[in-house]
Amino acid sequence: MSPTVFREKGYRFFFFSREESRMHVHIVSGDGEAKFWLEPDLELAKNHGYNRQQLKEIESLVEDHRDELVSAWKQHFSS
């Protein structure tokens, strides 16, 4: 199961269930996929196919929705 937290600008932001415990979010679109750590700092963990400009846009979206992502993570993984 991989619940979608939100979609914006053609990107899907989601979690994989039963993955590692460090808080992070996966991002996917037609151009590629990436993973960002949410703690202790916002940081790119993996990138497949995105250019620097796209990564900057994705990072900005993660930053804008960080509270929502953290809240969704805690809710999803506490159940």
C-alpha atoms as a PDB file:
ATOM      1  CA  MET A   1       0.000   0.000   0.000  1.00  0.00           C
ATOM      2  CA  SER A   2       1.306   3.461  -0.855  1.00  0.00           C
ATOM      3  CA  PRO A   3      -1.037   6.239   0.281  1.00  0.00           C
ATOM      4  CA  THR A   4      -0.958   9.467  -1.694  1.00  0.00           C
ATOM      5  CA  VAL A   5      -0.594  12.508   0.550  1.00  0.00           C
ATOM      6  CA  PHE A   6      -1.153  15.068  -2.211  1.00  0.00           C
ATOM      7  CA  ARG A   7      -0.690  15.784  -5.932  1.00  0.00           C
ATOM      8  CA  GLU A   8       0.596  19.061  -7.308  1.00  0.00           C
ATOM      9  CA  LYS A   9       2.105  20.265 -10.608  1.00  0.00           C
ATOM     10  CA  GLY A  10       1.987  16.741 -12.044  1.00  0.00           C
ATOM     11  CA  TYR A  11       3.821  15.159  -9.111  1.00  0.00           C
ATOM     12  CA  ARG A  12       2.423  12.561  -6.715  1.00  0.00           C
ATOM     13  CA  PHE A  13       3.710  12.684  -3.137  1.00  0.00           C
ATOM     14  CA  PHE A  14       3.305   9.416  -1.240  1.00  0.00           C
ATOM     15  CA  PHE A  15       4.665   6.906   1.281  1.00  0.00           C
ATOM     16  CA  PHE A  16       5.404   3.207   0.969  1.00  0.00           C
ATOM     17  CA  SER A  17       4.044   1.156   3.827  1.00  0.00           C
ATOM     18  CA  ARG A  18       6.494  -0.996   5.786  1.00  0.00           C
ATOM     19  CA  GLU A  19       9.595   0.756   4.586  1.00  0.00           C
ATOM     20  CA  GLU A  20      12.384   2.282   6.658  1.00  0.00           C
ATOM     21  CA  SER A  21      11.414   4.173   9.795  1.00  0.00           C
ATOM     22  CA  ARG A  22      13.202   7.474   9.039  1.00  0.00           C
ATOM     23  CA  MET A  23      10.577   9.966   7.918  1.00  0.00           C
ATOM     24  CA  HIS A  24      10.612  10.566   4.151  1.00  0.00           C
ATOM     25  CA  VAL A  25       8.382  11.068   1.130  1.00  0.00           C
ATOM     26  CA  HIS A  26       8.459   9.601  -2.379  1.00  0.00           C
ATOM     27  CA  ILE A  27       7.657  11.724  -5.424  1.00  0.00           C
ATOM     28  CA  VAL A  28       6.778  10.376  -8.846  1.00  0.00           C
ATOM     29  CA  SER A  29       5.696  11.813 -12.201  1.00  0.00           C
ATOM     30  CA  GLY A  30       6.054  10.950 -15.873  1.00  0.00           C
ATOM     31  CA  ASP A  31       9.609  12.341 -15.814  1.00  0.00           C
ATOM     32  CA  GLY A  32      11.024  10.333 -12.940  1.00  0.00           C
ATOM     33  CA  GLU A  33      10.969   9.641  -9.244  1.00  0.00           C
ATOM     34  CA  ALA A  34      12.694  10.957  -6.163  1.00  0.00           C
ATOM     35  CA  LYS A  35      12.798  10.520  -2.421  1.00  0.00           C
ATOM     36  CA  PHE A  36      13.326  13.247   0.172  1.00  0.00           C
ATOM     37  CA  TRP A  37      14.173  12.813   3.841  1.00  0.00           C
ATOM     38  CA  LEU A  38      11.904  14.917   6.069  1.00  0.00           C
ATOM     39  CA  GLU A  39      14.108  14.595   9.168  1.00  0.00           C
ATOM     40  CA  PRO A  40      16.365  15.665  10.692  1.00  0.00           C
ATOM     41  CA  ASP A  41      16.587  18.087   7.739  1.00  0.00           C
ATOM     42  CA  LEU A  42      14.867  18.221   4.365  1.00  0.00           C
ATOM     43  CA  GLU A  43      17.331  16.450   2.084  1.00  0.00           C
ATOM     44  CA  LEU A  44      17.312  14.633  -1.262  1.00  0.00           C
ATOM     45  CA  ALA A  45      17.778  10.893  -0.684  1.00  0.00           C
ATOM     46  CA  LYS A  46      17.342   9.533  -4.243  1.00  0.00           C
ATOM     47  CA  ASN A  47      16.730  10.867  -7.738  1.00  0.00           C
ATOM     48  CA  HIS A  48      15.908   9.017 -10.947  1.00  0.00           C
ATOM     49  CA  GLY A  49      15.328  11.179 -13.998  1.00  0.00           C
ATOM     50  CA  TYR A  50      14.696  14.654 -12.627  1.00  0.00           C
ATOM     51  CA  ASN A  51      16.890  17.577 -13.624  1.00  0.00           C
ATOM     52  CA  ARG A  52      18.143  20.217 -11.205  1.00  0.00           C
ATOM     53  CA  GLN A  53      15.247  22.591 -11.933  1.00  0.00           C
ATOM     54  CA  GLN A  54      12.638  19.876 -11.298  1.00  0.00           C
ATOM     55  CA  LEU A  55      14.351  18.863  -8.051  1.00  0.00           C
ATOM     56  CA  LYS A  56      14.300  22.477  -6.916  1.00  0.00           C
ATOM     57  CA  GLU A  57      10.570  22.671  -7.670  1.00  0.00           C
ATOM     58  CA  ILE A  58       9.894  19.358  -5.876  1.00  0.00           C
ATOM     59  CA  GLU A  59      11.940  20.403  -2.852  1.00  0.00           C
ATOM     60  CA  SER A  60       9.984  23.648  -2.686  1.00  0.00           C
ATOM     61  CA  LEU A  61       6.674  21.728  -2.779  1.00  0.00           C
ATOM     62  CA  VAL A  62       7.888  19.361  -0.039  1.00  0.00           C
ATOM     63  CA  GLU A  63       8.894  22.383   2.045  1.00  0.00           C
ATOM     64  CA  ASP A  64       5.487  24.036   1.479  1.00  0.00           C
ATOM     65  CA  HIS A  65       3.652  20.847   2.524  1.00  0.00           C
ATOM     66  CA  ARG A  66       6.097  19.665   5.189  1.00  0.00           C
ATOM     67  CA  ASP A  67       3.650  19.952   8.111  1.00  0.00           C
ATOM     68  CA  GLU A  68       1.003  18.082   6.133  1.00  0.00           C
ATOM     69  CA  LEU A  69       3.514  15.351   5.200  1.00  0.00           C
ATOM     70  CA  VAL A  70       4.770  14.919   8.763  1.00  0.00           C
ATOM     71  CA  SER A  71       1.205  14.774  10.073  1.00  0.00           C
ATOM     72  CA  ALA A  72       0.171  12.235   7.403  1.00  0.00           C
ATOM     73  CA  TRP A  73       3.278  10.142   8.147  1.00  0.00           C
ATOM     74  CA  LYS A  74       2.514  10.024  11.875  1.00  0.00           C
ATOM     75  CA  GLN A  75      -1.129   9.186  11.233  1.00  0.00           C
ATOM     76  CA  HIS A  76      -0.333   6.472   8.675  1.00  0.00           C
ATOM     77  CA  PHE A  77       2.455   4.742  10.570  1.00  0.00           C
ATOM     78  CA  SER A  78       0.835   4.888  14.003  1.00  0.00           C
ATOM     79  CA  SER A  79      -2.069   2.738  12.836  1.00  0.00           C
END
